[in-house]
Amino acid sequence: MNPLEANTLKRLAKAELTEEQVKKVKELAAEYAPKLAAARKKGVDALPPEVRKARAEAMNKAKEAGKKPSEVVTAFKLTPEQQEAMNIAQKEAKEIQGAFNKAVMALLTDQQRKAIKKAQGEKKPKKKPAA
C-alpha cells in the first residue's frame, strides 16, 4: 500500500466506504502516486546535496518542535533559480494532489462527504510546545 492510498483511506475512514469505493480509491492512488512522487522529486532534485541535507535537518527540527514546514523555509537559503524550481515542483504536486482529491470525492455520496466534513471539524487543535 503506497502512502497516498494509506493516508486517503485513513482520512476517509468515517465515510464508511463500500468495497467498490475502496477498490476505486486504491486504483486512483496507484495512478496518482507515481505522478505525485515525480513532481516532488523534481523539487528535491533542483537542490544541491548540501542544501537537501540542511533542508532535511531543518524539517526534522521543526517537526520535533511542533512547527509547520512552512515555518522552516527561512532555515536554508536558495538561489532564485532553485527557489523557482521548487515553486514549480510544488505547484505541480499541489495540482496533482488536487486532481486526486477531486477524483476521490467524486466517488463519495453526499452523506459520506458530510461525514468527512464533520470528522475534519472534530479534529482537536495541536498543542503548541511550551516555550
Foldseek 3Di string as FASTA:
>chain_A
DDPQLVVVCVLLVLLPDDPVLNVVLVVLCVVLVVQLVVLQVQLLVLDDPVQNVQLVVQVVVCVVQVHDSVVSVVSGDDDPSSVVSNVRSVVSSVVSVVVSVVVSVVSGDPSSVVSSVVVVVPDDDDDGDDD
